[in-house]
Structures are given as C-alpha cells and as structure tokens.
Amino acid sequence: MSQLSVLATLRRRPAALALALLAAGALSACGGGKGRPRADLAASQVTTIGVNSYLWRASLDALSFMPLLQADSSGGVIITDWYANPANPNERMKVTVSILDRDLRADALRVAASRQVSQGGTWVDAPVQAATVQKLEEVILTRARDLRRSAISG
C-alpha cells in the first residue's frame, strides 16, 4: 500500500475519492451517442490553450497537492516535482500528464509516474504499480467529464 502514496493522498480528499468511485462507469459517458453537445465543441475549440480545457483543468485539480515543475497549456504537458506523502517520507513520486488532443476522450490523456524509495539516505528508482497510473487517469477523466457536464447544464 505504501507504493500508492499518490492515491493515498487522493483518498484523503473527498472530492477526489468521489471521482475515483465514479470512474468505473464514466468511460461510457464519453463514447458514441447522438453527437457532441455544442457547449463541448465550443469549450474545446474556442480556448487560448492548445488542448482540451476540461482535461487540462481536471489534470491540474488532480495534481494540486503535488508541486509543479512545468505546466505548458499549449503543448498539454504537466510535470510535477517529487512528492513525498508525509505519512510515508521514505517514498516519493513524480508524475507527468500529457494531453494529446482537443477532444475529451480517454485516449487523449497519458499519465506516466516515477517512484523512488530511500535506501541508506539515497533515492533509488522503484517500480510503479500500473494500478496507480490507471487510477490517476480515471480520476482525471471523471473530473473532466464532470466539468463538461457542469458547463453544458450551467
């Protein structure tokens, strides 16, 4: 469980936890259907950033507890600095989020994570469980869909 320090932090944030729990059914909300609502088209095409604005904002929200190194809205890349969960200071993670498209689709998001553990005062690379990256992607996608739904109904 200590390997999931990023997820542990998300679990302590009620909004992030709710988003994670809704993620299982959320992928179907993006697919197919009767066409895309006009508000969604407007949000993805009439922005000053080069990527989908919902995915961008959702990514920043999901990573808000981690220090940012780079946030390039034109290229759609967010890179965090190393983050150590206070409950487990001998482990740290770094996350890179890439938004690849202007459309709100699951394949428009790519998350990569690096993990290190402290051994004898030196940080050593360690594997990241695939579930950690997958859960973070689900949290971001669910939040992006919620933002889109709010914009359409609001």
N, C-alpha and C. Protein backbone atom coordinates (compact mmCIF):
# COMPACT_ATOMS: atom_id res chain seq x y z
N MET A 1 0.82 -1.20 0.00
CA MET A 1 0.00 0.00 0.00
C MET A 1 0.85 1.25 0.00
N SER A 2 2.08 1.18 0.55
CA SER A 2 2.91 2.38 0.60
C SER A 2 3.28 2.87 -0.78
N GLN A 3 3.28 1.98 -1.76
CA GLN A 3 3.62 2.38 -3.12
C GLN A 3 2.58 3.32 -3.70
N LEU A 4 1.43 3.33 -3.14
CA LEU A 4 0.35 4.15 -3.68
C LEU A 4 0.22 5.46 -2.92
N SER A 5 1.32 6.11 -2.64
CA SER A 5 1.26 7.34 -1.85
C SER A 5 0.44 8.43 -2.53
N VAL A 6 0.50 8.50 -3.84
CA VAL A 6 -0.31 9.50 -4.55
C VAL A 6 -1.78 9.18 -4.36
N LEU A 7 -2.14 7.91 -4.49
CA LEU A 7 -3.54 7.54 -4.30
C LEU A 7 -3.98 7.73 -2.86
N ALA A 8 -3.07 7.50 -1.91
CA ALA A 8 -3.41 7.71 -0.51
C ALA A 8 -3.79 9.16 -0.28
N THR A 9 -3.08 10.07 -0.91
CA THR A 9 -3.40 11.48 -0.78
C THR A 9 -4.76 11.78 -1.42
N LEU A 10 -5.01 11.16 -2.58
CA LEU A 10 -6.30 11.36 -3.24
C LEU A 10 -7.44 10.84 -2.38
N ARG A 11 -7.19 9.74 -1.65
CA ARG A 11 -8.24 9.19 -0.81
C ARG A 11 -8.60 10.12 0.32
N ARG A 12 -7.65 10.93 0.77
CA ARG A 12 -7.94 11.87 1.85
C ARG A 12 -8.69 13.09 1.36
N ARG A 13 -8.77 13.26 0.06
CA ARG A 13 -9.52 14.38 -0.50
C ARG A 13 -10.88 13.84 -0.92
N PRO A 14 -11.97 14.18 -0.22
CA PRO A 14 -13.28 13.60 -0.51
C PRO A 14 -13.71 13.77 -1.96
N ALA A 15 -13.43 14.90 -2.57
CA ALA A 15 -13.85 15.10 -3.96
C ALA A 15 -13.11 14.14 -4.88
N ALA A 16 -11.83 13.94 -4.64
CA ALA A 16 -11.06 13.02 -5.47
C ALA A 16 -11.53 11.59 -5.28
N LEU A 17 -11.87 11.23 -4.06
CA LEU A 17 -12.37 9.89 -3.80
C LEU A 17 -13.69 9.66 -4.52
N ALA A 18 -14.56 10.64 -4.46
CA ALA A 18 -15.84 10.51 -5.15
C ALA A 18 -15.62 10.36 -6.64
N LEU A 19 -14.68 11.10 -7.19
CA LEU A 19 -14.38 10.99 -8.61
C LEU A 19 -13.85 9.61 -8.94
N ALA A 20 -12.99 9.06 -8.09
CA ALA A 20 -12.44 7.74 -8.34
C ALA A 20 -13.52 6.67 -8.31
N LEU A 21 -14.48 6.80 -7.39
CA LEU A 21 -15.55 5.82 -7.30
C LEU A 21 -16.48 5.88 -8.50
N LEU A 22 -16.61 7.05 -9.09
CA LEU A 22 -17.47 7.19 -10.26
C LEU A 22 -16.76 6.79 -11.55
N ALA A 23 -15.46 6.59 -11.50
CA ALA A 23 -14.67 6.35 -12.70
C ALA A 23 -15.08 5.08 -13.44
N ALA A 24 -15.54 4.07 -12.73
CA ALA A 24 -15.86 2.80 -13.36
C ALA A 24 -16.92 2.96 -14.45
N GLY A 25 -17.93 3.76 -14.21
CA GLY A 25 -18.98 3.93 -15.20
C GLY A 25 -18.80 5.14 -16.09
N ALA A 26 -17.77 5.91 -15.85
CA ALA A 26 -17.63 7.18 -16.56
C ALA A 26 -17.15 7.03 -17.98
N LEU A 27 -16.42 5.98 -18.30
CA LEU A 27 -15.88 5.85 -19.65
C LEU A 27 -16.99 5.79 -20.69
N SER A 28 -18.12 5.21 -20.33
CA SER A 28 -19.22 5.13 -21.29
C SER A 28 -19.84 6.50 -21.55
N ALA A 29 -19.65 7.44 -20.64
CA ALA A 29 -20.25 8.77 -20.80
C ALA A 29 -19.61 9.54 -21.94
N CYS A 30 -18.41 9.14 -22.34
CA CYS A 30 -17.69 9.85 -23.39
C CYS A 30 -17.92 9.27 -24.78
N GLY A 31 -18.35 8.03 -24.85
CA GLY A 31 -18.36 7.38 -26.14
C GLY A 31 -19.67 7.55 -26.88
N GLY A 32 -19.57 7.41 -28.20
CA GLY A 32 -20.70 7.33 -29.10
C GLY A 32 -21.82 8.29 -28.80
N GLY A 33 -23.03 7.84 -29.07
CA GLY A 33 -24.18 8.65 -28.72
C GLY A 33 -24.73 9.41 -29.89
N LYS A 34 -25.46 10.48 -29.60
CA LYS A 34 -26.16 11.25 -30.61
C LYS A 34 -25.38 12.46 -31.06
N GLY A 35 -24.10 12.49 -30.80
CA GLY A 35 -23.32 13.64 -31.19
C GLY A 35 -22.88 14.43 -29.98
N ARG A 36 -22.02 15.34 -30.20
CA ARG A 36 -21.45 16.11 -29.11
C ARG A 36 -22.24 17.39 -28.89
N PRO A 37 -22.51 17.73 -27.63
CA PRO A 37 -23.22 18.99 -27.36
C PRO A 37 -22.40 20.19 -27.83
N ARG A 38 -23.08 21.24 -28.22
CA ARG A 38 -22.40 22.43 -28.73
C ARG A 38 -21.47 23.07 -27.70
N ALA A 39 -21.88 23.05 -26.43
CA ALA A 39 -21.03 23.65 -25.40
C ALA A 39 -19.68 22.94 -25.33
N ASP A 40 -19.67 21.62 -25.57
CA ASP A 40 -18.42 20.87 -25.56
C ASP A 40 -17.54 21.28 -26.72
N LEU A 41 -18.13 21.44 -27.89
CA LEU A 41 -17.36 21.88 -29.05
C LEU A 41 -16.76 23.26 -28.81
N ALA A 42 -17.56 24.14 -28.26
CA ALA A 42 -17.08 25.49 -28.00
C ALA A 42 -15.94 25.48 -27.00
N ALA A 43 -16.05 24.69 -25.96
CA ALA A 43 -15.01 24.67 -24.93
C ALA A 43 -13.71 24.09 -25.47
N SER A 44 -13.81 23.15 -26.40
CA SER A 44 -12.57 22.56 -26.89
C SER A 44 -11.96 23.38 -28.01
N GLN A 45 -12.75 24.16 -28.72
CA GLN A 45 -12.22 24.88 -29.88
C GLN A 45 -11.97 26.36 -29.63
N VAL A 46 -12.71 26.97 -28.74
CA VAL A 46 -12.56 28.40 -28.50
C VAL A 46 -11.86 28.60 -27.15
N THR A 47 -10.62 28.22 -27.10
CA THR A 47 -9.83 28.39 -25.89
C THR A 47 -8.49 28.99 -26.26
N THR A 48 -7.81 29.49 -25.27
CA THR A 48 -6.48 30.04 -25.52
C THR A 48 -5.41 28.99 -25.30
N ILE A 49 -5.81 27.77 -24.90
CA ILE A 49 -4.85 26.70 -24.73
C ILE A 49 -4.94 25.75 -25.91
N GLY A 50 -3.90 24.97 -26.14
CA GLY A 50 -3.85 24.11 -27.31
C GLY A 50 -4.45 22.74 -27.13
N VAL A 51 -5.03 22.46 -25.96
CA VAL A 51 -5.57 21.13 -25.69
C VAL A 51 -6.97 21.25 -25.08
N ASN A 52 -7.60 20.12 -24.84
CA ASN A 52 -8.94 20.13 -24.26
C ASN A 52 -8.91 20.81 -22.90
N SER A 53 -9.72 21.82 -22.74
CA SER A 53 -9.70 22.61 -21.50
C SER A 53 -10.20 21.81 -20.30
N TYR A 54 -11.14 20.88 -20.52
CA TYR A 54 -11.64 20.08 -19.40
C TYR A 54 -10.55 19.14 -18.88
N LEU A 55 -9.85 18.48 -19.80
CA LEU A 55 -8.75 17.60 -19.38
C LEU A 55 -7.64 18.40 -18.70
N TRP A 56 -7.37 19.58 -19.20
CA TRP A 56 -6.32 20.42 -18.62
C TRP A 56 -6.66 20.80 -17.18
N ARG A 57 -7.87 21.33 -16.99
CA ARG A 57 -8.28 21.75 -15.64
C ARG A 57 -8.38 20.56 -14.69
N ALA A 58 -8.90 19.44 -15.18
CA ALA A 58 -9.03 18.25 -14.35
C ALA A 58 -7.66 17.72 -13.93
N SER A 59 -6.70 17.78 -14.83
CA SER A 59 -5.34 17.33 -14.51
C SER A 59 -4.72 18.22 -13.44
N LEU A 60 -4.87 19.52 -13.58
CA LEU A 60 -4.34 20.44 -12.58
C LEU A 60 -5.02 20.22 -11.23
N ASP A 61 -6.34 19.99 -11.24
CA ASP A 61 -7.06 19.72 -9.99
C ASP A 61 -6.54 18.45 -9.32
N ALA A 62 -6.39 17.37 -10.10
CA ALA A 62 -5.98 16.09 -9.54
C ALA A 62 -4.57 16.13 -8.97
N LEU A 63 -3.71 16.97 -9.55
CA LEU A 63 -2.31 17.04 -9.11
C LEU A 63 -2.05 18.24 -8.20
N SER A 64 -3.09 18.89 -7.75
CA SER A 64 -2.91 20.14 -7.00
C SER A 64 -2.13 19.98 -5.70
N PHE A 65 -2.09 18.78 -5.15
CA PHE A 65 -1.34 18.55 -3.90
C PHE A 65 0.15 18.35 -4.14
N MET A 66 0.55 18.21 -5.41
CA MET A 66 1.97 18.00 -5.74
C MET A 66 2.57 19.30 -6.26
N PRO A 67 3.85 19.55 -5.98
CA PRO A 67 4.48 20.76 -6.53
C PRO A 67 4.68 20.62 -8.04
N LEU A 68 4.37 21.68 -8.79
CA LEU A 68 4.51 21.64 -10.24
C LEU A 68 5.89 22.13 -10.67
N LEU A 69 6.49 21.42 -11.62
CA LEU A 69 7.73 21.88 -12.25
C LEU A 69 7.43 22.63 -13.54
N GLN A 70 6.48 22.08 -14.31
CA GLN A 70 6.15 22.67 -15.60
C GLN A 70 4.68 22.46 -15.89
N ALA A 71 4.04 23.47 -16.45
CA ALA A 71 2.66 23.37 -16.90
C ALA A 71 2.56 24.13 -18.21
N ASP A 72 2.59 23.42 -19.32
CA ASP A 72 2.58 24.01 -20.66
C ASP A 72 1.23 23.74 -21.30
N SER A 73 0.34 24.73 -21.25
CA SER A 73 -1.00 24.54 -21.78
C SER A 73 -1.03 24.47 -23.30
N SER A 74 -0.06 25.03 -23.96
CA SER A 74 -0.01 24.94 -25.43
C SER A 74 0.32 23.52 -25.87
N GLY A 75 1.28 22.92 -25.21
CA GLY A 75 1.68 21.56 -25.56
C GLY A 75 0.94 20.50 -24.79
N GLY A 76 0.20 20.89 -23.75
CA GLY A 76 -0.58 19.94 -22.98
C GLY A 76 0.23 19.05 -22.07
N VAL A 77 1.31 19.59 -21.49
CA VAL A 77 2.17 18.79 -20.62
C VAL A 77 2.21 19.40 -19.23
N ILE A 78 2.01 18.55 -18.23
CA ILE A 78 2.14 18.94 -16.83
C ILE A 78 3.15 18.00 -16.20
N ILE A 79 4.18 18.58 -15.58
CA ILE A 79 5.20 17.78 -14.92
C ILE A 79 5.29 18.24 -13.47
N THR A 80 5.15 17.28 -12.57
CA THR A 80 5.27 17.62 -11.15
C THR A 80 6.70 17.40 -10.69
N ASP A 81 7.02 18.01 -9.58
CA ASP A 81 8.28 17.72 -8.91
C ASP A 81 8.04 16.50 -8.02
N TRP A 82 9.08 16.01 -7.39
CA TRP A 82 8.95 14.86 -6.50
C TRP A 82 8.03 15.23 -5.33
N TYR A 83 7.14 14.30 -4.99
CA TYR A 83 6.22 14.48 -3.87
C TYR A 83 6.35 13.29 -2.94
N ALA A 84 6.59 13.57 -1.66
CA ALA A 84 6.62 12.52 -0.64
C ALA A 84 5.41 12.70 0.26
N ASN A 85 4.64 11.67 0.39
CA ASN A 85 3.49 11.67 1.28
C ASN A 85 4.01 11.80 2.71
N PRO A 86 3.53 12.77 3.48
CA PRO A 86 4.01 12.93 4.86
C PRO A 86 3.87 11.66 5.70
N ALA A 87 2.91 10.81 5.38
CA ALA A 87 2.73 9.57 6.12
C ALA A 87 3.77 8.52 5.75
N ASN A 88 4.47 8.72 4.64
CA ASN A 88 5.49 7.78 4.19
C ASN A 88 6.64 8.55 3.54
N PRO A 89 7.47 9.23 4.33
CA PRO A 89 8.52 10.09 3.77
C PRO A 89 9.67 9.34 3.10
N ASN A 90 9.69 8.01 3.17
CA ASN A 90 10.76 7.24 2.54
C ASN A 90 10.41 6.83 1.11
N GLU A 91 9.36 7.40 0.59
CA GLU A 91 8.91 7.12 -0.78
C GLU A 91 8.48 8.43 -1.41
N ARG A 92 8.80 8.61 -2.68
CA ARG A 92 8.35 9.82 -3.37
C ARG A 92 7.97 9.47 -4.80
N MET A 93 7.08 10.31 -5.37
CA MET A 93 6.61 10.09 -6.72
C MET A 93 6.66 11.38 -7.51
N LYS A 94 6.77 11.20 -8.81
CA LYS A 94 6.78 12.31 -9.76
C LYS A 94 5.85 11.89 -10.90
N VAL A 95 5.02 12.83 -11.38
CA VAL A 95 4.01 12.49 -12.38
C VAL A 95 4.13 13.42 -13.57
N THR A 96 3.94 12.85 -14.76
CA THR A 96 3.86 13.63 -16.00
C THR A 96 2.53 13.31 -16.66
N VAL A 97 1.76 14.34 -16.96
CA VAL A 97 0.49 14.19 -17.66
C VAL A 97 0.64 14.83 -19.03
N SER A 98 0.26 14.10 -20.05
CA SER A 98 0.26 14.62 -21.42
C SER A 98 -1.16 14.57 -21.96
N ILE A 99 -1.64 15.70 -22.45
CA ILE A 99 -2.95 15.77 -23.08
C ILE A 99 -2.68 15.86 -24.58
N LEU A 100 -3.19 14.90 -25.31
CA LEU A 100 -2.79 14.70 -26.69
C LEU A 100 -3.78 15.21 -27.73
N ASP A 101 -4.91 15.74 -27.31
CA ASP A 101 -5.95 16.09 -28.28
C ASP A 101 -6.81 17.22 -27.73
N ARG A 102 -7.59 17.84 -28.60
CA ARG A 102 -8.54 18.87 -28.18
C ARG A 102 -9.88 18.27 -27.77
N ASP A 103 -10.08 16.99 -28.07
CA ASP A 103 -11.33 16.33 -27.73
C ASP A 103 -11.23 15.66 -26.37
N LEU A 104 -12.35 15.57 -25.69
CA LEU A 104 -12.42 14.90 -24.39
C LEU A 104 -12.66 13.41 -24.65
N ARG A 105 -11.54 12.69 -24.73
CA ARG A 105 -11.58 11.24 -24.97
C ARG A 105 -10.54 10.60 -24.06
N ALA A 106 -10.80 9.33 -23.71
CA ALA A 106 -9.88 8.62 -22.83
C ALA A 106 -8.49 8.50 -23.44
N ASP A 107 -8.41 8.32 -24.76
CA ASP A 107 -7.10 8.16 -25.38
C ASP A 107 -6.39 9.49 -25.64
N ALA A 108 -6.99 10.58 -25.21
CA ALA A 108 -6.35 11.89 -25.32
C ALA A 108 -5.53 12.22 -24.08
N LEU A 109 -5.48 11.29 -23.14
CA LEU A 109 -4.77 11.51 -21.88
C LEU A 109 -3.73 10.42 -21.67
N ARG A 110 -2.53 10.84 -21.31
CA ARG A 110 -1.48 9.88 -20.99
C ARG A 110 -0.82 10.31 -19.69
N VAL A 111 -0.76 9.40 -18.73
CA VAL A 111 -0.14 9.67 -17.43
C VAL A 111 1.05 8.73 -17.26
N ALA A 112 2.16 9.29 -16.83
CA ALA A 112 3.35 8.49 -16.51
C ALA A 112 3.81 8.88 -15.12
N ALA A 113 4.27 7.90 -14.36
CA ALA A 113 4.72 8.17 -12.99
C ALA A 113 6.07 7.52 -12.76
N SER A 114 6.87 8.18 -11.95
CA SER A 114 8.15 7.64 -11.49
C SER A 114 8.09 7.55 -9.98
N ARG A 115 8.74 6.54 -9.44
CA ARG A 115 8.72 6.32 -8.00
C ARG A 115 10.14 6.04 -7.52
N GLN A 116 10.47 6.59 -6.37
CA GLN A 116 11.75 6.33 -5.74
C GLN A 116 11.54 6.03 -4.26
N VAL A 117 12.41 5.17 -3.74
CA VAL A 117 12.39 4.87 -2.31
C VAL A 117 13.76 5.22 -1.73
N SER A 118 13.77 5.60 -0.47
CA SER A 118 15.01 5.97 0.20
C SER A 118 15.66 4.71 0.76
N GLN A 119 16.92 4.51 0.37
CA GLN A 119 17.70 3.38 0.87
C GLN A 119 19.06 3.91 1.32
N GLY A 120 19.26 3.93 2.62
CA GLY A 120 20.51 4.41 3.16
C GLY A 120 20.78 5.87 2.86
N GLY A 121 19.73 6.67 2.82
CA GLY A 121 19.89 8.11 2.56
C GLY A 121 19.98 8.46 1.09
N THR A 122 19.87 7.49 0.20
CA THR A 122 19.93 7.73 -1.25
C THR A 122 18.60 7.32 -1.88
N TRP A 123 18.13 8.12 -2.82
CA TRP A 123 16.90 7.79 -3.53
C TRP A 123 17.21 6.80 -4.64
N VAL A 124 16.46 5.70 -4.65
CA VAL A 124 16.67 4.63 -5.63
C VAL A 124 15.36 4.43 -6.40
N ASP A 125 15.47 4.31 -7.74
CA ASP A 125 14.28 4.09 -8.55
C ASP A 125 13.60 2.79 -8.16
N ALA A 126 12.28 2.82 -8.19
CA ALA A 126 11.48 1.64 -7.85
C ALA A 126 10.31 1.58 -8.82
N PRO A 127 9.76 0.38 -9.03
CA PRO A 127 8.63 0.26 -9.97
C PRO A 127 7.36 0.92 -9.45
N VAL A 128 6.56 1.37 -10.38
CA VAL A 128 5.25 1.94 -10.07
C VAL A 128 4.20 0.91 -10.49
N GLN A 129 3.27 0.64 -9.62
CA GLN A 129 2.21 -0.30 -9.99
C GLN A 129 1.34 0.32 -11.07
N ALA A 130 0.97 -0.47 -12.06
CA ALA A 130 0.12 0.00 -13.16
C ALA A 130 -1.20 0.55 -12.63
N ALA A 131 -1.70 -0.02 -11.54
CA ALA A 131 -2.97 0.44 -10.97
C ALA A 131 -2.89 1.89 -10.50
N THR A 132 -1.71 2.31 -10.07
CA THR A 132 -1.54 3.69 -9.61
C THR A 132 -1.78 4.67 -10.75
N VAL A 133 -1.15 4.42 -11.88
CA VAL A 133 -1.30 5.29 -13.05
C VAL A 133 -2.72 5.21 -13.59
N GLN A 134 -3.27 4.01 -13.65
CA GLN A 134 -4.63 3.84 -14.15
C GLN A 134 -5.64 4.58 -13.28
N LYS A 135 -5.49 4.52 -11.97
CA LYS A 135 -6.42 5.20 -11.08
C LYS A 135 -6.33 6.72 -11.25
N LEU A 136 -5.13 7.23 -11.40
CA LEU A 136 -4.96 8.67 -11.61
C LEU A 136 -5.61 9.10 -12.93
N GLU A 137 -5.45 8.30 -13.97
CA GLU A 137 -6.11 8.61 -15.24
C GLU A 137 -7.63 8.63 -15.07
N GLU A 138 -8.16 7.66 -14.33
CA GLU A 138 -9.60 7.60 -14.10
C GLU A 138 -10.09 8.84 -13.34
N VAL A 139 -9.34 9.26 -12.33
CA VAL A 139 -9.71 10.45 -11.56
C VAL A 139 -9.75 11.68 -12.48
N ILE A 140 -8.75 11.83 -13.32
CA ILE A 140 -8.68 12.98 -14.23
C ILE A 140 -9.83 12.94 -15.23
N LEU A 141 -10.06 11.79 -15.85
CA LEU A 141 -11.14 11.68 -16.84
C LEU A 141 -12.52 11.94 -16.22
N THR A 142 -12.73 11.43 -15.04
CA THR A 142 -14.02 11.64 -14.38
C THR A 142 -14.21 13.11 -14.05
N ARG A 143 -13.17 13.74 -13.54
CA ARG A 143 -13.27 15.18 -13.23
C ARG A 143 -13.52 15.99 -14.50
N ALA A 144 -12.86 15.65 -15.58
CA ALA A 144 -13.05 16.37 -16.85
C ALA A 144 -14.49 16.23 -17.34
N ARG A 145 -15.04 15.04 -17.22
CA ARG A 145 -16.43 14.84 -17.64
C ARG A 145 -17.39 15.63 -16.75
N ASP A 146 -17.09 15.67 -15.45
CA ASP A 146 -17.92 16.48 -14.54
C ASP A 146 -17.87 17.95 -14.92
N LEU A 147 -16.69 18.45 -15.25
CA LEU A 147 -16.55 19.85 -15.67
C LEU A 147 -17.35 20.12 -16.94
N ARG A 148 -17.30 19.18 -17.87
CA ARG A 148 -18.05 19.34 -19.13
C ARG A 148 -19.54 19.34 -18.85
N ARG A 149 -20.01 18.41 -18.02
CA ARG A 149 -21.44 18.36 -17.69
C ARG A 149 -21.89 19.66 -17.02
N SER A 150 -21.07 20.20 -16.13
CA SER A 150 -21.41 21.47 -15.47
C SER A 150 -21.50 22.61 -16.47
N ALA A 151 -20.61 22.62 -17.43
CA ALA A 151 -20.62 23.70 -18.43
C ALA A 151 -21.84 23.60 -19.34
N ILE A 152 -22.25 22.39 -19.65
CA ILE A 152 -23.40 22.19 -20.54
C ILE A 152 -24.70 22.52 -19.84
N SER A 153 -24.83 22.08 -18.57
CA SER A 153 -26.09 22.31 -17.86
C SER A 153 -26.13 23.67 -17.18
N GLY A 154 -24.98 24.32 -17.04
CA GLY A 154 -24.95 25.59 -16.32
C GLY A 154 -25.12 26.71 -17.19
